[in-house]
Amino acid sequence: MSDRTYRVIVRGVFVDLDDAQRAALLAVADEHDLLNAAFTDAGTLAYDRSLRAFSFRCVVRQPVDAADDDAVVTASDRASAALADRGVRHNALRGTATSVDDMKINRPRR
């Protein structure tokens, strides 16, 4: 059985950041700019210097018989783990998944 590939964006809001967490996030904020965000297997965390909202972009591969919403759940788990690794709390996450297999590529005519 083959897999389906999804690009998933998970969004949330940072919660109760203390001064040390703020300093740590701000120290690497340029590396987490939205313009640097990419869909990767490990995931990419993006936020701005206001340290309010964030997004997490990742690629999820799952069996064809799995529901599309399962990709969002998997990506949300990855986002939660990435934030927990940084010692950062967040509010409820929301996500959207797009199947790469369903994307139509419009090629220019020659």
PDB file of N, CA and C in Angstrom:
ATOM      1  N   MET A   1       0.844  -1.170   0.000  1.00  0.00           N
ATOM      2  CA  MET A   1       0.000   0.000   0.000  1.00  0.00           C
ATOM      3  C   MET A   1       0.895   1.239   0.000  1.00  0.00           C
ATOM      4  N   SER A   2       0.509   2.235  -0.769  1.00  0.00           N
ATOM      5  CA  SER A   2       1.335   3.438  -0.865  1.00  0.00           C
ATOM      6  C   SER A   2       0.945   4.458   0.204  1.00  0.00           C
ATOM      7  N   ASP A   3       1.790   5.442   0.324  1.00  0.00           N
ATOM      8  CA  ASP A   3       1.553   6.515   1.291  1.00  0.00           C
ATOM      9  C   ASP A   3       1.072   7.768   0.577  1.00  0.00           C
ATOM     10  N   ARG A   4       0.440   8.633   1.353  1.00  0.00           N
ATOM     11  CA  ARG A   4       0.080   9.974   0.888  1.00  0.00           C
ATOM     12  C   ARG A   4       0.962  10.953   1.643  1.00  0.00           C
ATOM     13  N   THR A   5       1.330  12.020   0.974  1.00  0.00           N
ATOM     14  CA  THR A   5       2.193  13.037   1.566  1.00  0.00           C
ATOM     15  C   THR A   5       1.398  14.319   1.743  1.00  0.00           C
ATOM     16  N   TYR A   6       1.516  14.898   2.929  1.00  0.00           N
ATOM     17  CA  TYR A   6       0.803  16.131   3.260  1.00  0.00           C
ATOM     18  C   TYR A   6       1.782  17.218   3.668  1.00  0.00           C
ATOM     19  N   ARG A   7       1.456  18.437   3.309  1.00  0.00           N
ATOM     20  CA  ARG A   7       2.122  19.612   3.862  1.00  0.00           C
ATOM     21  C   ARG A   7       1.153  20.175   4.890  1.00  0.00           C
ATOM     22  N   VAL A   8       1.632  20.287   6.124  1.00  0.00           N
ATOM     23  CA  VAL A   8       0.746  20.695   7.217  1.00  0.00           C
ATOM     24  C   VAL A   8       1.290  21.958   7.873  1.00  0.00           C
ATOM     25  N   ILE A   9       0.386  22.902   8.127  1.00  0.00           N
ATOM     26  CA  ILE A   9       0.727  24.105   8.886  1.00  0.00           C
ATOM     27  C   ILE A   9      -0.070  24.062  10.182  1.00  0.00           C
ATOM     28  N   VAL A  10       0.643  24.121  11.296  1.00  0.00           N
ATOM     29  CA  VAL A  10       0.026  24.150  12.622  1.00  0.00           C
ATOM     30  C   VAL A  10       0.264  25.542  13.192  1.00  0.00           C
ATOM     31  N   ARG A  11      -0.783  26.144  13.741  1.00  0.00           N
ATOM     32  CA  ARG A  11      -0.669  27.491  14.307  1.00  0.00           C
ATOM     33  C   ARG A  11      -1.077  27.486  15.771  1.00  0.00           C
ATOM     34  N   GLY A  12      -0.475  28.409  16.519  1.00  0.00           N
ATOM     35  CA  GLY A  12      -0.815  28.552  17.926  1.00  0.00           C
ATOM     36  C   GLY A  12      -0.276  29.857  18.469  1.00  0.00           C
ATOM     37  N   VAL A  13      -0.439  30.021  19.770  1.00  0.00           N
ATOM     38  CA  VAL A  13       0.005  31.232  20.462  1.00  0.00           C
ATOM     39  C   VAL A  13       0.855  30.814  21.652  1.00  0.00           C
ATOM     40  N   PHE A  14       1.989  31.493  21.826  1.00  0.00           N
ATOM     41  CA  PHE A  14       2.819  31.248  23.003  1.00  0.00           C
ATOM     42  C   PHE A  14       2.044  31.646  24.257  1.00  0.00           C
ATOM     43  N   VAL A  15       2.268  30.917  25.361  1.00  0.00           N
ATOM     44  CA  VAL A  15       1.564  31.188  26.616  1.00  0.00           C
ATOM     45  C   VAL A  15       2.567  31.343  27.752  1.00  0.00           C
ATOM     46  N   ASP A  16       2.392  32.399  28.545  1.00  0.00           N
ATOM     47  CA  ASP A  16       3.147  32.612  29.793  1.00  0.00           C
ATOM     48  C   ASP A  16       4.657  32.469  29.639  1.00  0.00           C
ATOM     49  N   LEU A  17       5.225  33.159  28.659  1.00  0.00           N
ATOM     50  CA  LEU A  17       6.681  33.124  28.499  1.00  0.00           C
ATOM     51  C   LEU A  17       7.335  33.929  29.615  1.00  0.00           C
ATOM     52  N   ASP A  18       8.331  33.340  30.256  1.00  0.00           N
ATOM     53  CA  ASP A  18       9.077  34.106  31.259  1.00  0.00           C
ATOM     54  C   ASP A  18      10.233  34.827  30.553  1.00  0.00           C
ATOM     55  N   ASP A  19      10.983  35.623  31.293  1.00  0.00           N
ATOM     56  CA  ASP A  19      12.058  36.423  30.700  1.00  0.00           C
ATOM     57  C   ASP A  19      13.130  35.557  30.043  1.00  0.00           C
ATOM     58  N   ALA A  20      13.473  34.434  30.660  1.00  0.00           N
ATOM     59  CA  ALA A  20      14.499  33.551  30.102  1.00  0.00           C
ATOM     60  C   ALA A  20      14.028  32.927  28.785  1.00  0.00           C
ATOM     61  N   GLN A  21      12.769  32.508  28.729  1.00  0.00           N
ATOM     62  CA  GLN A  21      12.227  31.927  27.503  1.00  0.00           C
ATOM     63  C   GLN A  21      12.183  32.967  26.389  1.00  0.00           C
ATOM     64  N   ARG A  22      11.744  34.181  26.744  1.00  0.00           N
ATOM     65  CA  ARG A  22      11.705  35.269  25.760  1.00  0.00           C
ATOM     66  C   ARG A  22      13.101  35.540  25.206  1.00  0.00           C
ATOM     67  N   ALA A  23      14.070  35.619  26.100  1.00  0.00           N
ATOM     68  CA  ALA A  23      15.445  35.898  25.675  1.00  0.00           C
ATOM     69  C   ALA A  23      15.965  34.792  24.754  1.00  0.00           C
ATOM     70  N   ALA A  24      15.679  33.538  25.099  1.00  0.00           N
ATOM     71  CA  ALA A  24      16.140  32.410  24.285  1.00  0.00           C
ATOM     72  C   ALA A  24      15.489  32.432  22.898  1.00  0.00           C
ATOM     73  N   LEU A  25      14.196  32.703  22.841  1.00  0.00           N
ATOM     74  CA  LEU A  25      13.504  32.755  21.553  1.00  0.00           C
ATOM     75  C   LEU A  25      13.970  33.946  20.715  1.00  0.00           C
ATOM     76  N   LEU A  26      14.147  35.098  21.357  1.00  0.00           N
ATOM     77  CA  LEU A  26      14.595  36.283  20.627  1.00  0.00           C
ATOM     78  C   LEU A  26      16.020  36.135  20.106  1.00  0.00           C
ATOM     79  N   ALA A  27      16.851  35.394  20.827  1.00  0.00           N
ATOM     80  CA  ALA A  27      18.248  35.207  20.412  1.00  0.00           C
ATOM     81  C   ALA A  27      18.352  34.495  19.062  1.00  0.00           C
ATOM     82  N   VAL A  28      17.373  33.669  18.744  1.00  0.00           N
ATOM     83  CA  VAL A  28      17.400  32.927  17.478  1.00  0.00           C
ATOM     84  C   VAL A  28      16.220  33.290  16.566  1.00  0.00           C
ATOM     85  N   ALA A  29      15.589  34.418  16.839  1.00  0.00           N
ATOM     86  CA  ALA A  29      14.394  34.813  16.087  1.00  0.00           C
ATOM     87  C   ALA A  29      14.654  34.948  14.589  1.00  0.00           C
ATOM     88  N   ASP A  30      15.828  35.445  14.209  1.00  0.00           N
ATOM     89  CA  ASP A  30      16.119  35.603  12.781  1.00  0.00           C
ATOM     90  C   ASP A  30      16.124  34.262  12.052  1.00  0.00           C
ATOM     91  N   GLU A  31      16.510  33.202  12.735  1.00  0.00           N
ATOM     92  CA  GLU A  31      16.516  31.863  12.136  1.00  0.00           C
ATOM     93  C   GLU A  31      15.103  31.303  11.986  1.00  0.00           C
ATOM     94  N   HIS A  32      14.151  31.887  12.710  1.00  0.00           N
ATOM     95  CA  HIS A  32      12.774  31.382  12.714  1.00  0.00           C
ATOM     96  C   HIS A  32      11.802  32.345  12.045  1.00  0.00           C
ATOM     97  N   ASP A  33      12.328  33.220  11.208  1.00  0.00           N
ATOM     98  CA  ASP A  33      11.503  34.162  10.465  1.00  0.00           C
ATOM     99  C   ASP A  33      10.613  33.398   9.481  1.00  0.00           C
ATOM    100  N   LEU A  34       9.430  33.908   9.243  1.00  0.00           N
ATOM    101  CA  LEU A  34       8.481  33.245   8.347  1.00  0.00           C
ATOM    102  C   LEU A  34       9.060  33.063   6.946  1.00  0.00           C
ATOM    103  N   LEU A  35       9.918  33.980   6.525  1.00  0.00           N
ATOM    104  CA  LEU A  35      10.514  33.867   5.192  1.00  0.00           C
ATOM    105  C   LEU A  35      11.470  32.685   5.084  1.00  0.00           C
ATOM    106  N   ASN A  36      11.937  32.174   6.213  1.00  0.00           N
ATOM    107  CA  ASN A  36      12.832  31.013   6.228  1.00  0.00           C
ATOM    108  C   ASN A  36      12.083  29.701   6.437  1.00  0.00           C
ATOM    109  N   ALA A  37      10.781  29.779   6.662  1.00  0.00           N
ATOM    110  CA  ALA A  37       9.994  28.581   6.967  1.00  0.00           C
ATOM    111  C   ALA A  37       9.903  27.673   5.742  1.00  0.00           C
ATOM    112  N   ALA A  38      10.069  26.387   5.982  1.00  0.00           N
ATOM    113  CA  ALA A  38       9.989  25.398   4.910  1.00  0.00           C
ATOM    114  C   ALA A  38       9.259  24.167   5.431  1.00  0.00           C
ATOM    115  N   PHE A  39       8.695  23.414   4.517  1.00  0.00           N
ATOM    116  CA  PHE A  39       8.057  22.158   4.886  1.00  0.00           C
ATOM    117  C   PHE A  39       9.130  21.076   4.908  1.00  0.00           C
ATOM    118  N   THR A  40       9.436  20.568   6.102  1.00  0.00           N
ATOM    119  CA  THR A  40      10.443  19.523   6.265  1.00  0.00           C
ATOM    120  C   THR A  40       9.847  18.384   7.087  1.00  0.00           C
ATOM    121  N   ASP A  41      10.515  17.235   7.069  1.00  0.00           N
ATOM    122  CA  ASP A  41      10.040  16.106   7.872  1.00  0.00           C
ATOM    123  C   ASP A  41      10.090  16.429   9.362  1.00  0.00           C
ATOM    124  N   ALA A  42      11.163  17.070   9.799  1.00  0.00           N
ATOM    125  CA  ALA A  42      11.314  17.407  11.219  1.00  0.00           C
ATOM    126  C   ALA A  42      10.415  18.571  11.617  1.00  0.00           C
ATOM    127  N   GLY A  43      10.119  19.448  10.670  1.00  0.00           N
ATOM    128  CA  GLY A  43       9.281  20.606  10.950  1.00  0.00           C
ATOM    129  C   GLY A  43      10.098  21.867  11.131  1.00  0.00           C
ATOM    130  N   THR A  44       9.479  22.994  10.792  1.00  0.00           N
ATOM    131  CA  THR A  44      10.112  24.300  10.916  1.00  0.00           C
ATOM    132  C   THR A  44       9.221  25.203  11.753  1.00  0.00           C
ATOM    133  N   LEU A  45       9.775  25.734  12.833  1.00  0.00           N
ATOM    134  CA  LEU A  45       9.054  26.659  13.702  1.00  0.00           C
ATOM    135  C   LEU A  45       9.313  28.074  13.213  1.00  0.00           C
ATOM    136  N   ALA A  46       8.251  28.857  13.049  1.00  0.00           N
ATOM    137  CA  ALA A  46       8.380  30.246  12.604  1.00  0.00           C
ATOM    138  C   ALA A  46       7.607  31.153  13.555  1.00  0.00           C
ATOM    139  N   TYR A  47       8.219  32.297  13.873  1.00  0.00           N
ATOM    140  CA  TYR A  47       7.573  33.297  14.722  1.00  0.00           C
ATOM    141  C   TYR A  47       8.260  34.629  14.501  1.00  0.00           C
ATOM    142  N   ASP A  48       7.610  35.706  14.959  1.00  0.00           N
ATOM    143  CA  ASP A  48       8.251  37.014  14.836  1.00  0.00           C
ATOM    144  C   ASP A  48       8.670  37.509  16.215  1.00  0.00           C
ATOM    145  N   ARG A  49       9.267  38.669  16.244  1.00  0.00           N
ATOM    146  CA  ARG A  49       9.842  39.189  17.483  1.00  0.00           C
ATOM    147  C   ARG A  49       8.803  39.595  18.533  1.00  0.00           C
ATOM    148  N   SER A  50       7.543  39.668  18.162  1.00  0.00           N
ATOM    149  CA  SER A  50       6.507  39.982  19.153  1.00  0.00           C
ATOM    150  C   SER A  50       6.265  38.801  20.096  1.00  0.00           C
ATOM    151  N   LEU A  51       6.688  37.610  19.667  1.00  0.00           N
ATOM    152  CA  LEU A  51       6.545  36.373  20.458  1.00  0.00           C
ATOM    153  C   LEU A  51       5.107  36.135  20.908  1.00  0.00           C
ATOM    154  N   ARG A  52       4.191  36.405  20.013  1.00  0.00           N
ATOM    155  CA  ARG A  52       2.799  36.118  20.306  1.00  0.00           C
ATOM    156  C   ARG A  52       2.392  34.813  19.620  1.00  0.00           C
ATOM    157  N   ALA A  53       2.263  34.849  18.318  1.00  0.00           N
ATOM    158  CA  ALA A  53       1.825  33.672  17.565  1.00  0.00           C
ATOM    159  C   ALA A  53       3.010  32.980  16.895  1.00  0.00           C
ATOM    160  N   PHE A  54       2.806  31.713  16.550  1.00  0.00           N
ATOM    161  CA  PHE A  54       3.827  30.945  15.844  1.00  0.00           C
ATOM    162  C   PHE A  54       3.147  30.030  14.836  1.00  0.00           C
ATOM    163  N   SER A  55       3.932  29.544  13.897  1.00  0.00           N
ATOM    164  CA  SER A  55       3.459  28.493  12.997  1.00  0.00           C
ATOM    165  C   SER A  55       4.539  27.423  12.918  1.00  0.00           C
ATOM    166  N   PHE A  56       4.105  26.224  12.628  1.00  0.00           N
ATOM    167  CA  PHE A  56       5.001  25.076  12.516  1.00  0.00           C
ATOM    168  C   PHE A  56       4.627  24.370  11.223  1.00  0.00           C
ATOM    169  N   ARG A  57       5.584  24.245  10.318  1.00  0.00           N
ATOM    170  CA  ARG A  57       5.332  23.621   9.019  1.00  0.00           C
ATOM    171  C   ARG A  57       6.079  22.302   8.942  1.00  0.00           C
ATOM    172  N   CYS A  58       5.386  21.267   8.494  1.00  0.00           N
ATOM    173  CA  CYS A  58       6.065  19.979   8.354  1.00  0.00           C
ATOM    174  C   CYS A  58       5.423  19.139   7.261  1.00  0.00           C
ATOM    175  N   VAL A  59       6.148  18.115   6.872  1.00  0.00           N
ATOM    176  CA  VAL A  59       5.669  17.131   5.907  1.00  0.00           C
ATOM    177  C   VAL A  59       5.284  15.882   6.692  1.00  0.00           C
ATOM    178  N   VAL A  60       4.100  15.359   6.410  1.00  0.00           N
ATOM    179  CA  VAL A  60       3.621  14.140   7.069  1.00  0.00           C
ATOM    180  C   VAL A  60       3.299  13.116   5.985  1.00  0.00           C
ATOM    181  N   ARG A  61       3.832  11.925   6.149  1.00  0.00           N
ATOM    182  CA  ARG A  61       3.525  10.811   5.244  1.00  0.00           C
ATOM    183  C   ARG A  61       2.728   9.775   6.034  1.00  0.00           C
ATOM    184  N   GLN A  62       1.631   9.322   5.438  1.00  0.00           N
ATOM    185  CA  GLN A  62       0.802   8.335   6.121  1.00  0.00           C
ATOM    186  C   GLN A  62       0.133   7.440   5.089  1.00  0.00           C
ATOM    187  N   PRO A  63      -0.345   6.273   5.524  1.00  0.00           N
ATOM    188  CA  PRO A  63      -0.990   5.345   4.588  1.00  0.00           C
ATOM    189  C   PRO A  63      -2.217   5.980   3.927  1.00  0.00           C
ATOM    190  N   VAL A  64      -2.509   5.544   2.718  1.00  0.00           N
ATOM    191  CA  VAL A  64      -3.646   6.101   1.982  1.00  0.00           C
ATOM    192  C   VAL A  64      -4.972   5.898   2.692  1.00  0.00           C
ATOM    193  N   ASP A  65      -5.089   4.860   3.486  1.00  0.00           N
ATOM    194  CA  ASP A  65      -6.362   4.605   4.160  1.00  0.00           C
ATOM    195  C   ASP A  65      -6.548   5.439   5.430  1.00  0.00           C
ATOM    196  N   ALA A  66      -5.547   6.211   5.836  1.00  0.00           N
ATOM    197  CA  ALA A  66      -5.677   7.084   7.013  1.00  0.00           C
ATOM    198  C   ALA A  66      -6.434   8.352   6.618  1.00  0.00           C
ATOM    199  N   ALA A  67      -7.198   8.878   7.557  1.00  0.00           N
ATOM    200  CA  ALA A  67      -7.964  10.102   7.307  1.00  0.00           C
ATOM    201  C   ALA A  67      -7.032  11.302   7.167  1.00  0.00           C
ATOM    202  N   ASP A  68      -7.456  12.279   6.363  1.00  0.00           N
ATOM    203  CA  ASP A  68      -6.657  13.493   6.178  1.00  0.00           C
ATOM    204  C   ASP A  68      -6.399  14.198   7.508  1.00  0.00           C
ATOM    205  N   ASP A  69      -7.381  14.175   8.401  1.00  0.00           N
ATOM    206  CA  ASP A  69      -7.229  14.836   9.704  1.00  0.00           C
ATOM    207  C   ASP A  69      -6.140  14.196  10.558  1.00  0.00           C
ATOM    208  N   ASP A  70      -5.811  12.939  10.281  1.00  0.00           N
ATOM    209  CA  ASP A  70      -4.729  12.280  11.023  1.00  0.00           C
ATOM    210  C   ASP A  70      -3.391  12.980  10.779  1.00  0.00           C
ATOM    211  N   ALA A  71      -3.219  13.547   9.595  1.00  0.00           N
ATOM    212  CA  ALA A  71      -1.987  14.280   9.289  1.00  0.00           C
ATOM    213  C   ALA A  71      -1.877  15.518  10.173  1.00  0.00           C
ATOM    214  N   VAL A  72      -2.999  16.174  10.429  1.00  0.00           N
ATOM    215  CA  VAL A  72      -3.002  17.356  11.302  1.00  0.00           C
ATOM    216  C   VAL A  72      -2.665  16.950  12.730  1.00  0.00           C
ATOM    217  N   VAL A  73      -3.201  15.829  13.184  1.00  0.00           N
ATOM    218  CA  VAL A  73      -2.910  15.341  14.536  1.00  0.00           C
ATOM    219  C   VAL A  73      -1.423  15.020  14.674  1.00  0.00           C
ATOM    220  N   THR A  74      -0.864  14.342  13.684  1.00  0.00           N
ATOM    221  CA  THR A  74       0.564  14.011  13.708  1.00  0.00           C
ATOM    222  C   THR A  74       1.413  15.272  13.741  1.00  0.00           C
ATOM    223  N   ALA A  75       1.083  16.242  12.898  1.00  0.00           N
ATOM    224  CA  ALA A  75       1.840  17.497  12.853  1.00  0.00           C
ATOM    225  C   ALA A  75       1.694  18.280  14.157  1.00  0.00           C
ATOM    226  N   SER A  76       0.514  18.266  14.751  1.00  0.00           N
ATOM    227  CA  SER A  76       0.300  18.957  16.028  1.00  0.00           C
ATOM    228  C   SER A  76       1.148  18.332  17.127  1.00  0.00           C
ATOM    229  N   ASP A  77       1.257  17.008  17.109  1.00  0.00           N
ATOM    230  CA  ASP A  77       2.122  16.321  18.076  1.00  0.00           C
ATOM    231  C   ASP A  77       3.577  16.725  17.888  1.00  0.00           C
ATOM    232  N   ARG A  78       4.009  16.823  16.631  1.00  0.00           N
ATOM    233  CA  ARG A  78       5.387  17.256  16.357  1.00  0.00           C
ATOM    234  C   ARG A  78       5.618  18.692  16.829  1.00  0.00           C
ATOM    235  N   ALA A  79       4.645  19.559  16.586  1.00  0.00           N
ATOM    236  CA  ALA A  79       4.767  20.959  17.013  1.00  0.00           C
ATOM    237  C   ALA A  79       4.844  21.046  18.531  1.00  0.00           C
ATOM    238  N   SER A  80       3.982  20.314  19.218  1.00  0.00           N
ATOM    239  CA  SER A  80       4.006  20.309  20.690  1.00  0.00           C
ATOM    240  C   SER A  80       5.345  19.828  21.213  1.00  0.00           C
ATOM    241  N   ALA A  81       5.894  18.787  20.593  1.00  0.00           N
ATOM    242  CA  ALA A  81       7.192  18.255  21.016  1.00  0.00           C
ATOM    243  C   ALA A  81       8.307  19.267  20.770  1.00  0.00           C
ATOM    244  N   ALA A  82       8.274  19.943  19.624  1.00  0.00           N
ATOM    245  CA  ALA A  82       9.304  20.945  19.309  1.00  0.00           C
ATOM    246  C   ALA A  82       9.270  22.097  20.309  1.00  0.00           C
ATOM    247  N   LEU A  83       8.082  22.507  20.697  1.00  0.00           N
ATOM    248  CA  LEU A  83       7.957  23.591  21.678  1.00  0.00           C
ATOM    249  C   LEU A  83       8.344  23.113  23.072  1.00  0.00           C
ATOM    250  N   ALA A  84       7.978  21.887  23.413  1.00  0.00           N
ATOM    251  CA  ALA A  84       8.349  21.330  24.717  1.00  0.00           C
ATOM    252  C   ALA A  84       9.864  21.215  24.837  1.00  0.00           C
ATOM    253  N   ASP A  85      10.540  20.860  23.733  1.00  0.00           N
ATOM    254  CA  ASP A  85      12.008  20.784  23.738  1.00  0.00           C
ATOM    255  C   ASP A  85      12.634  22.132  24.062  1.00  0.00           C
ATOM    256  N   ARG A  86      11.928  23.197  23.717  1.00  0.00           N
ATOM    257  CA  ARG A  86      12.412  24.549  24.011  1.00  0.00           C
ATOM    258  C   ARG A  86      11.895  25.049  25.361  1.00  0.00           C
ATOM    259  N   GLY A  87      11.104  24.227  26.037  1.00  0.00           N
ATOM    260  CA  GLY A  87      10.555  24.616  27.331  1.00  0.00           C
ATOM    261  C   GLY A  87       9.485  25.685  27.232  1.00  0.00           C
ATOM    262  N   VAL A  88       8.766  25.693  26.112  1.00  0.00           N
ATOM    263  CA  VAL A  88       7.779  26.738  25.838  1.00  0.00           C
ATOM    264  C   VAL A  88       6.377  26.138  25.839  1.00  0.00           C
ATOM    265  N   ARG A  89       5.454  26.849  26.472  1.00  0.00           N
ATOM    266  CA  ARG A  89       4.051  26.416  26.496  1.00  0.00           C
ATOM    267  C   ARG A  89       3.270  27.140  25.407  1.00  0.00           C
ATOM    268  N   HIS A  90       2.137  26.555  25.030  1.00  0.00           N
ATOM    269  CA  HIS A  90       1.309  27.132  23.972  1.00  0.00           C
ATOM    270  C   HIS A  90      -0.154  26.857  24.265  1.00  0.00           C
ATOM    271  N   ASN A  91      -1.017  27.576  23.544  1.00  0.00           N
ATOM    272  CA  ASN A  91      -2.451  27.331  23.677  1.00  0.00           C
ATOM    273  C   ASN A  91      -2.853  26.192  22.742  1.00  0.00           C
ATOM    274  N   ALA A  92      -4.149  26.015  22.564  1.00  0.00           N
ATOM    275  CA  ALA A  92      -4.638  24.961  21.667  1.00  0.00           C
ATOM    276  C   ALA A  92      -4.115  25.201  20.256  1.00  0.00           C
ATOM    277  N   LEU A  93      -3.737  24.129  19.595  1.00  0.00           N
ATOM    278  CA  LEU A  93      -3.193  24.228  18.246  1.00  0.00           C
ATOM    279  C   LEU A  93      -4.295  23.988  17.224  1.00  0.00           C
ATOM    280  N   ARG A  94      -4.156  24.622  16.087  1.00  0.00           N
ATOM    281  CA  ARG A  94      -5.068  24.362  14.974  1.00  0.00           C
ATOM    282  C   ARG A  94      -4.206  24.174  13.728  1.00  0.00           C
ATOM    283  N   GLY A  95      -4.646  23.314  12.847  1.00  0.00           N
ATOM    284  CA  GLY A  95      -3.820  23.025  11.682  1.00  0.00           C
ATOM    285  C   GLY A  95      -4.622  22.795  10.425  1.00  0.00           C
ATOM    286  N   THR A  96      -3.922  22.910   9.311  1.00  0.00           N
ATOM    287  CA  THR A  96      -4.505  22.614   8.008  1.00  0.00           C
ATOM    288  C   THR A  96      -3.530  21.727   7.242  1.00  0.00           C
ATOM    289  N   ALA A  97      -4.079  20.749   6.550  1.00  0.00           N
ATOM    290  CA  ALA A  97      -3.250  19.818   5.782  1.00  0.00           C
ATOM    291  C   ALA A  97      -3.657  19.867   4.316  1.00  0.00           C
ATOM    292  N   THR A  98      -2.650  19.852   3.457  1.00  0.00           N
ATOM    293  CA  THR A  98      -2.873  19.806   2.018  1.00  0.00           C
ATOM    294  C   THR A  98      -2.124  18.606   1.464  1.00  0.00           C
ATOM    295  N   SER A  99      -2.838  17.762   0.757  1.00  0.00           N
ATOM    296  CA  SER A  99      -2.204  16.583   0.169  1.00  0.00           C
ATOM    297  C   SER A  99      -1.396  16.998  -1.058  1.00  0.00           C
ATOM    298  N   VAL A 100      -0.122  16.692  -1.032  1.00  0.00           N
ATOM    299  CA  VAL A 100       0.746  16.989  -2.170  1.00  0.00           C
ATOM    300  C   VAL A 100       0.306  16.155  -3.371  1.00  0.00           C
ATOM    301  N   ASP A 101      -0.224  14.981  -3.110  1.00  0.00           N
ATOM    302  CA  ASP A 101      -0.660  14.087  -4.182  1.00  0.00           C
ATOM    303  C   ASP A 101      -1.856  14.651  -4.954  1.00  0.00           C
ATOM    304  N   ASP A 102      -2.621  15.540  -4.325  1.00  0.00           N
ATOM    305  CA  ASP A 102      -3.800  16.118  -4.968  1.00  0.00           C
ATOM    306  C   ASP A 102      -3.517  17.455  -5.643  1.00  0.00           C
ATOM    307  N   MET A 103      -2.317  17.983  -5.468  1.00  0.00           N
ATOM    308  CA  MET A 103      -1.985  19.284  -6.060  1.00  0.00           C
ATOM    309  C   MET A 103      -1.882  19.157  -7.573  1.00  0.00           C
ATOM    310  N   LYS A 104      -2.435  20.138  -8.247  1.00  0.00           N
ATOM    311  CA  LYS A 104      -2.346  20.176  -9.699  1.00  0.00           C
ATOM    312  C   LYS A 104      -1.286  21.207 -10.066  1.00  0.00           C
ATOM    313  N   ILE A 105      -0.367  20.809 -10.902  1.00  0.00           N
ATOM    314  CA  ILE A 105       0.686  21.721 -11.334  1.00  0.00           C
ATOM    315  C   ILE A 105       0.346  22.198 -12.735  1.00  0.00           C
ATOM    316  N   ASN A 106       0.161  23.494 -12.862  1.00  0.00           N
ATOM    317  CA  ASN A 106      -0.118  24.083 -14.173  1.00  0.00           C
ATOM    318  C   ASN A 106       1.198  24.449 -14.841  1.00  0.00           C
ATOM    319  N   ARG A 107       1.524  23.716 -15.859  1.00  0.00           N
ATOM    320  CA  ARG A 107       2.763  23.983 -16.591  1.00  0.00           C
ATOM    321  C   ARG A 107       2.463  24.954 -17.734  1.00  0.00           C
ATOM    322  N   PRO A 108       3.368  25.898 -17.978  1.00  0.00           N
ATOM    323  CA  PRO A 108       3.137  26.845 -19.080  1.00  0.00           C
ATOM    324  C   PRO A 108       3.136  26.120 -20.433  1.00  0.00           C
ATOM    325  N   ARG A 109       2.272  26.577 -21.305  1.00  0.00           N
ATOM    326  CA  ARG A 109       2.210  25.991 -22.654  1.00  0.00           C
ATOM    327  C   ARG A 109       3.276  26.630 -23.524  1.00  0.00           C
ATOM    328  N   ARG A 110       3.801  25.845 -24.420  1.00  0.00           N
ATOM    329  CA  ARG A 110       4.843  26.366 -25.330  1.00  0.00           C
ATOM    330  C   ARG A 110       4.361  26.325 -26.741  1.00  0.00           C
TER     331      ARG A 110
END
